[in-house]
Amino acid sequence: MGKSHPLIFDERYRGEFLAELVDLVIIYDGFYDYLDIIKDFNPDFIVKGEEYKRKNIPEKELKTNIIYYHSNSNMSSTEAYKNIIKKFKEATEIWGAIYE
């Protein structure tokens, strides 16, 4: 998509979902230095969405194991936006064909 967009699924909802899968979920509010939080907790793994694989993320400098996941859970705001845009384009094409 390229542009930033608001989250469809808020952090609390995501945190509750993820808490079922991991030992600790930290909702980062931007107030503290993110890397300091990671250093303080010294996790065995950091889990990031697959879209971060191609990005330069600050966690890489910590030499911590990073797991990239592809979510099939429909919890991704990016995927939700893509689906909304796809369905809008499909509907627009159908209505355009009807009114031609």
C-alpha atoms as a PDB file:
ATOM      1  CA  MET A   1       0.000   0.000   0.000  1.00  0.00           C
ATOM      2  CA  GLY A   2       2.834   2.349   0.728  1.00  0.00           C
ATOM      3  CA  LYS A   3       0.889   4.802   2.867  1.00  0.00           C
ATOM      4  CA  SER A   4       0.292   4.534   6.561  1.00  0.00           C
ATOM      5  CA  HIS A   5      -3.243   3.831   7.655  1.00  0.00           C
ATOM      6  CA  PRO A   6      -5.048   3.538  10.986  1.00  0.00           C
ATOM      7  CA  LEU A   7      -5.314   0.145  12.647  1.00  0.00           C
ATOM      8  CA  ILE A   8      -8.570  -1.662  12.160  1.00  0.00           C
ATOM      9  CA  PHE A   9      -7.883  -3.979  15.090  1.00  0.00           C
ATOM     10  CA  ASP A  10      -6.841  -1.967  18.150  1.00  0.00           C
ATOM     11  CA  GLU A  11      -3.815  -2.854  20.259  1.00  0.00           C
ATOM     12  CA  ARG A  12      -5.807  -4.230  23.174  1.00  0.00           C
ATOM     13  CA  TYR A  13      -7.631  -6.659  20.880  1.00  0.00           C
ATOM     14  CA  ARG A  14      -4.356  -7.729  19.273  1.00  0.00           C
ATOM     15  CA  GLY A  15      -2.681  -8.045  22.676  1.00  0.00           C
ATOM     16  CA  GLU A  16      -5.437 -10.291  24.005  1.00  0.00           C
ATOM     17  CA  PHE A  17      -5.222 -12.467  20.901  1.00  0.00           C
ATOM     18  CA  LEU A  18      -1.436 -12.713  21.075  1.00  0.00           C
ATOM     19  CA  ALA A  19      -1.375 -13.357  24.845  1.00  0.00           C
ATOM     20  CA  GLU A  20      -2.786 -16.800  24.076  1.00  0.00           C
ATOM     21  CA  LEU A  21       0.330 -17.577  22.057  1.00  0.00           C
ATOM     22  CA  VAL A  22       3.266 -16.012  23.937  1.00  0.00           C
ATOM     23  CA  ASP A  23       4.517 -15.369  27.472  1.00  0.00           C
ATOM     24  CA  LEU A  24       4.410 -11.581  27.331  1.00  0.00           C
ATOM     25  CA  VAL A  25       2.823  -8.930  25.125  1.00  0.00           C
ATOM     26  CA  ILE A  26       4.036  -5.346  25.385  1.00  0.00           C
ATOM     27  CA  ILE A  27       1.968  -2.669  23.721  1.00  0.00           C
ATOM     28  CA  TYR A  28       4.511  -0.073  22.739  1.00  0.00           C
ATOM     29  CA  ASP A  29       3.209   3.460  23.207  1.00  0.00           C
ATOM     30  CA  GLY A  30       6.231   5.298  21.838  1.00  0.00           C
ATOM     31  CA  PHE A  31       7.112   6.835  25.205  1.00  0.00           C
ATOM     32  CA  TYR A  32      10.103   4.648  26.068  1.00  0.00           C
ATOM     33  CA  ASP A  33      12.971   3.615  23.836  1.00  0.00           C
ATOM     34  CA  TYR A  34      11.796   0.442  22.142  1.00  0.00           C
ATOM     35  CA  LEU A  35      15.263  -1.130  22.086  1.00  0.00           C
ATOM     36  CA  ASP A  36      15.717  -0.492  25.820  1.00  0.00           C
ATOM     37  CA  ILE A  37      12.488  -2.369  26.518  1.00  0.00           C
ATOM     38  CA  ILE A  38      13.769  -5.337  24.532  1.00  0.00           C
ATOM     39  CA  LYS A  39      17.140  -5.209  26.302  1.00  0.00           C
ATOM     40  CA  ASP A  40      15.433  -5.083  29.720  1.00  0.00           C
ATOM     41  CA  PHE A  41      13.269  -8.142  29.037  1.00  0.00           C
ATOM     42  CA  ASN A  42      15.950  -9.988  27.042  1.00  0.00           C
ATOM     43  CA  PRO A  43      13.509 -12.186  25.099  1.00  0.00           C
ATOM     44  CA  ASP A  44      14.519 -15.433  23.429  1.00  0.00           C
ATOM     45  CA  PHE A  45      12.565 -14.398  20.347  1.00  0.00           C
ATOM     46  CA  ILE A  46      10.891 -11.348  18.872  1.00  0.00           C
ATOM     47  CA  VAL A  47       7.916 -11.988  16.610  1.00  0.00           C
ATOM     48  CA  LYS A  48       7.240  -9.613  13.742  1.00  0.00           C
ATOM     49  CA  GLY A  49       4.788  -9.691  10.855  1.00  0.00           C
ATOM     50  CA  GLU A  50       6.093 -11.049   7.570  1.00  0.00           C
ATOM     51  CA  GLU A  51       5.930  -7.567   6.013  1.00  0.00           C
ATOM     52  CA  TYR A  52       8.918  -6.553   8.190  1.00  0.00           C
ATOM     53  CA  LYS A  53      11.222  -9.135   6.570  1.00  0.00           C
ATOM     54  CA  ARG A  54      12.246  -6.691   3.858  1.00  0.00           C
ATOM     55  CA  LYS A  55      12.494  -3.681   6.156  1.00  0.00           C
ATOM     56  CA  ASN A  56      15.423  -2.438   8.175  1.00  0.00           C
ATOM     57  CA  ILE A  57      14.134  -2.922  11.724  1.00  0.00           C
ATOM     58  CA  PRO A  58      16.021  -1.732  14.815  1.00  0.00           C
ATOM     59  CA  GLU A  59      15.739  -5.121  16.540  1.00  0.00           C
ATOM     60  CA  LYS A  60      18.279  -6.565  14.101  1.00  0.00           C
ATOM     61  CA  GLU A  61      21.087  -4.689  15.851  1.00  0.00           C
ATOM     62  CA  LEU A  62      20.352  -6.559  19.110  1.00  0.00           C
ATOM     63  CA  LYS A  63      21.284  -9.952  17.645  1.00  0.00           C
ATOM     64  CA  THR A  64      18.030 -11.389  19.009  1.00  0.00           C
ATOM     65  CA  ASN A  65      16.235 -14.210  17.209  1.00  0.00           C
ATOM     66  CA  ILE A  66      13.502 -12.689  15.069  1.00  0.00           C
ATOM     67  CA  ILE A  67      10.609 -14.807  13.864  1.00  0.00           C
ATOM     68  CA  TYR A  68       8.596 -13.492  10.950  1.00  0.00           C
ATOM     69  CA  TYR A  69       5.086 -14.841  10.666  1.00  0.00           C
ATOM     70  CA  HIS A  70       2.428 -14.816   8.021  1.00  0.00           C
ATOM     71  CA  SER A  71      -0.909 -14.310   9.694  1.00  0.00           C
ATOM     72  CA  ASN A  72      -3.859 -16.314   8.486  1.00  0.00           C
ATOM     73  CA  SER A  73      -5.946 -14.969  11.344  1.00  0.00           C
ATOM     74  CA  ASN A  74      -7.427 -11.945   9.555  1.00  0.00           C
ATOM     75  CA  MET A  75      -5.849  -9.759  12.280  1.00  0.00           C
ATOM     76  CA  SER A  76      -3.746  -7.709   9.881  1.00  0.00           C
ATOM     77  CA  SER A  77      -4.969  -4.168   9.269  1.00  0.00           C
ATOM     78  CA  THR A  78      -2.893  -4.046   6.083  1.00  0.00           C
ATOM     79  CA  GLU A  79      -4.563  -7.187   4.747  1.00  0.00           C
ATOM     80  CA  ALA A  80      -7.996  -5.904   5.793  1.00  0.00           C
ATOM     81  CA  TYR A  81      -7.393  -2.662   3.855  1.00  0.00           C
ATOM     82  CA  LYS A  82      -6.227  -4.618   0.805  1.00  0.00           C
ATOM     83  CA  ASN A  83      -9.402  -6.720   0.921  1.00  0.00           C
ATOM     84  CA  ILE A  84     -11.594  -3.623   1.293  1.00  0.00           C
ATOM     85  CA  ILE A  85      -9.921  -1.959  -1.700  1.00  0.00           C
ATOM     86  CA  LYS A  86     -10.163  -5.160  -3.767  1.00  0.00           C
ATOM     87  CA  LYS A  87     -13.878  -5.572  -3.016  1.00  0.00           C
ATOM     88  CA  PHE A  88     -14.503  -1.869  -3.740  1.00  0.00           C
ATOM     89  CA  LYS A  89     -12.765  -2.173  -7.129  1.00  0.00           C
ATOM     90  CA  GLU A  90     -14.725  -5.322  -7.956  1.00  0.00           C
ATOM     91  CA  ALA A  91     -18.030  -3.655  -6.993  1.00  0.00           C
ATOM     92  CA  THR A  92     -17.136  -0.542  -8.992  1.00  0.00           C
ATOM     93  CA  GLU A  93     -16.368  -2.645 -12.076  1.00  0.00           C
ATOM     94  CA  ILE A  94     -19.672  -4.505 -11.750  1.00  0.00           C
ATOM     95  CA  TRP A  95     -21.704  -1.294 -11.353  1.00  0.00           C
ATOM     96  CA  GLY A  96     -19.756   0.358 -14.158  1.00  0.00           C
ATOM     97  CA  ALA A  97     -20.596  -2.549 -16.487  1.00  0.00           C
ATOM     98  CA  ILE A  98     -24.290  -2.392 -15.542  1.00  0.00           C
ATOM     99  CA  TYR A  99     -24.564   1.352 -16.282  1.00  0.00           C
ATOM    100  CA  GLU A 100     -22.644   1.318 -19.582  1.00  0.00           C
END
